[in-house]
Protein backbone atom coordinates (compact mmCIF):
# COMPACT_ATOMS: atom_id res chain seq x y z
CA MET A 1 10.76 -50.97 -6.92
CA LYS A 2 7.37 -49.26 -6.54
CA LEU A 3 5.57 -52.54 -7.23
CA LEU A 4 7.63 -54.31 -4.56
CA THR A 5 6.79 -51.56 -2.05
CA ILE A 6 3.08 -51.78 -2.86
CA TRP A 7 3.08 -55.57 -2.45
CA THR A 8 4.98 -55.30 0.82
CA VAL A 9 2.46 -52.80 2.20
CA LEU A 10 -0.48 -54.93 1.05
CA LEU A 11 0.98 -58.06 2.66
CA MET A 12 1.56 -56.17 5.89
CA MET A 13 -2.04 -54.96 5.87
CA VAL A 14 -3.38 -58.46 5.28
CA GLY A 15 -1.13 -59.81 8.02
CA THR A 16 -2.44 -57.28 10.55
CA MET A 17 -6.05 -57.95 9.58
CA MET A 18 -5.87 -61.70 10.11
CA PRO A 19 -5.69 -61.68 13.94
CA MET A 20 -8.62 -59.25 14.14
CA GLN A 21 -10.76 -61.64 12.15
CA ALA A 22 -9.81 -64.57 14.37
CA ASP A 23 -10.58 -62.55 17.51
CA GLU A 24 -14.03 -61.61 16.19
CA GLU A 25 -14.84 -65.29 15.93
CA THR A 26 -14.41 -65.96 19.65
CA PRO A 27 -17.47 -65.58 21.90
CA LEU A 28 -15.86 -62.56 23.58
CA GLY A 29 -14.93 -61.09 20.21
CA LYS A 30 -18.54 -61.38 19.07
CA GLU A 31 -19.79 -59.63 22.21
CA MET A 32 -17.21 -56.88 21.83
CA GLU A 33 -18.22 -56.41 18.21
CA SER A 34 -21.87 -56.15 19.28
CA ILE A 35 -20.98 -53.57 21.94
CA ASN A 36 -18.91 -51.63 19.43
CA ASP A 37 -21.70 -51.64 16.83
CA SER A 38 -24.23 -50.41 19.40
CA PHE A 39 -21.82 -47.78 20.66
CA LYS A 40 -21.08 -46.43 17.18
CA ALA A 41 -24.78 -46.24 16.41
CA LEU A 42 -25.72 -44.51 19.66
CA THR A 43 -23.07 -41.83 19.17
CA LYS A 44 -24.90 -40.82 15.99
CA GLU A 45 -28.44 -41.24 17.33
CA LYS A 46 -30.54 -38.16 18.07
CA ASP A 47 -33.79 -39.92 19.02
CA GLY A 48 -33.96 -40.51 22.78
CA ALA A 49 -35.88 -43.79 22.65
CA LYS A 50 -33.67 -45.27 19.94
CA GLY A 51 -30.51 -44.11 21.70
CA ALA A 52 -31.70 -45.62 25.00
CA ALA A 53 -32.39 -48.93 23.24
CA LEU A 54 -28.87 -48.92 21.75
CA ALA A 55 -27.41 -48.18 25.18
CA ARG A 56 -29.34 -51.15 26.61
CA LYS A 57 -27.98 -53.37 23.83
CA ALA A 58 -24.46 -52.24 24.72
CA GLN A 59 -25.22 -52.99 28.39
CA GLU A 60 -26.32 -56.53 27.51
CA GLY A 61 -23.14 -57.20 25.54
CA THR A 62 -21.06 -55.77 28.35
CA LEU A 63 -22.67 -58.06 30.92
CA LYS A 64 -22.08 -61.09 28.71
CA GLY A 65 -18.49 -60.04 28.06
CA LEU A 66 -17.90 -59.53 31.77
CA THR A 67 -18.19 -63.26 32.37
CA MET A 68 -15.63 -64.13 29.68
CA VAL A 69 -11.85 -64.11 29.81
CA PRO A 70 -9.81 -62.40 27.09
CA ASP A 71 -7.47 -64.81 25.31
CA PHE A 72 -4.56 -62.52 26.08
CA ILE A 73 -5.09 -62.98 29.82
CA ALA A 74 -5.81 -66.69 29.60
CA ASP A 75 -2.93 -67.55 27.27
CA MET A 76 -0.23 -64.95 27.68
CA ILE A 77 0.02 -64.29 31.42
CA PRO A 78 1.69 -67.32 33.00
CA ASP A 79 1.97 -66.06 36.60
CA PRO A 80 -1.24 -67.02 38.46
CA LYS A 81 -1.15 -63.91 40.69
CA GLU A 82 -0.68 -61.60 37.72
CA LYS A 83 -3.42 -63.43 35.84
CA GLU A 84 -5.87 -62.94 38.75
CA LYS A 85 -4.92 -59.28 38.97
CA ALA A 86 -5.45 -58.83 35.22
CA LEU A 87 -8.84 -60.60 35.42
CA ALA A 88 -9.94 -58.33 38.27
CA ASP A 89 -8.85 -55.27 36.30
CA TYR A 90 -10.65 -56.53 33.16
CA ARG A 91 -13.85 -56.98 35.20
CA ARG A 92 -13.37 -53.47 36.64
CA LEU A 93 -13.14 -51.98 33.17
CA MET A 94 -16.17 -53.91 31.96
CA GLY A 95 -18.10 -52.88 35.09
CA GLU A 96 -17.22 -49.24 34.54
CA ALA A 97 -18.29 -49.55 30.90
CA TYR A 98 -21.62 -51.01 32.03
CA VAL A 99 -22.18 -48.06 34.36
CA VAL A 100 -21.34 -45.60 31.57
CA PHE A 101 -23.82 -47.30 29.23
CA CYS A 102 -26.49 -47.06 31.96
CA LYS A 103 -25.75 -43.35 32.34
CA ILE A 104 -25.94 -42.94 28.57
CA GLU A 105 -29.36 -44.61 28.59
CA ILE A 106 -30.58 -42.21 31.29
CA ALA A 107 -29.17 -39.20 29.43
CA PHE A 108 -30.99 -40.27 26.26
CA LEU A 109 -34.24 -40.74 28.17
CA GLU A 110 -33.86 -37.28 29.72
CA GLY A 111 -33.01 -35.72 26.36
CA LYS A 112 -29.58 -34.57 27.54
CA MET A 113 -27.60 -34.96 24.33
CA ASP A 114 -24.63 -32.97 25.64
CA GLU A 115 -24.38 -35.48 28.48
CA VAL A 116 -24.57 -38.37 25.99
CA THR A 117 -21.58 -36.90 24.16
CA LYS A 118 -19.54 -36.53 27.37
CA LEU A 119 -20.39 -40.05 28.47
CA ALA A 120 -19.54 -41.43 25.03
CA ASP A 121 -16.09 -39.89 25.43
CA ALA A 122 -15.75 -41.66 28.79
CA ALA A 123 -16.74 -44.95 27.14
CA LYS A 124 -14.12 -44.39 24.42
CA ALA A 125 -11.46 -43.83 27.07
CA LEU A 126 -12.40 -47.09 28.83
CA LYS A 127 -12.28 -48.95 25.53
CA LYS A 128 -8.87 -47.52 24.74
CA GLU A 129 -7.53 -48.46 28.18
CA GLY A 130 -8.89 -51.99 27.97
CA HIS A 131 -7.65 -52.60 24.47
CA LYS A 132 -4.22 -51.26 25.34
CA LYS A 133 -3.99 -53.67 28.26
CA TYR A 134 -5.82 -56.79 27.11
CA ILE A 135 -5.60 -57.12 23.35
CA GLU A 136 -2.43 -58.80 22.25
CA GLU A 137 -0.35 -56.80 19.81
CA GLU A 138 0.52 -58.95 16.81
């Protein structure tokens, strides 16, 4: 019985990992992964110049991602009005993320590490909101 439970859990884990891998292979998925990598690194960075460079890299990925449409919106929202509303909201979230990354860059350049931490929390909240809305649950 224990072996069956272990296999069931392992198969469930593999099943939930598959969609994430497919998403990372889309152009938007690649940009989001780049943003996420930069964000993770900047939250640990103590050097102002390096942190500012990581924030700029996150800004670049955000701008590229802003022009793309999440698969969930393109494929799963059939109503044209709802789709347009979702696209506008997605662009809003990406725009707000861009502004936060700009503020993080400034905070790093000014040596305000407490401000970097507060802004990083704001970026996390935006990420959570966007993922809750626009990443399809498998």
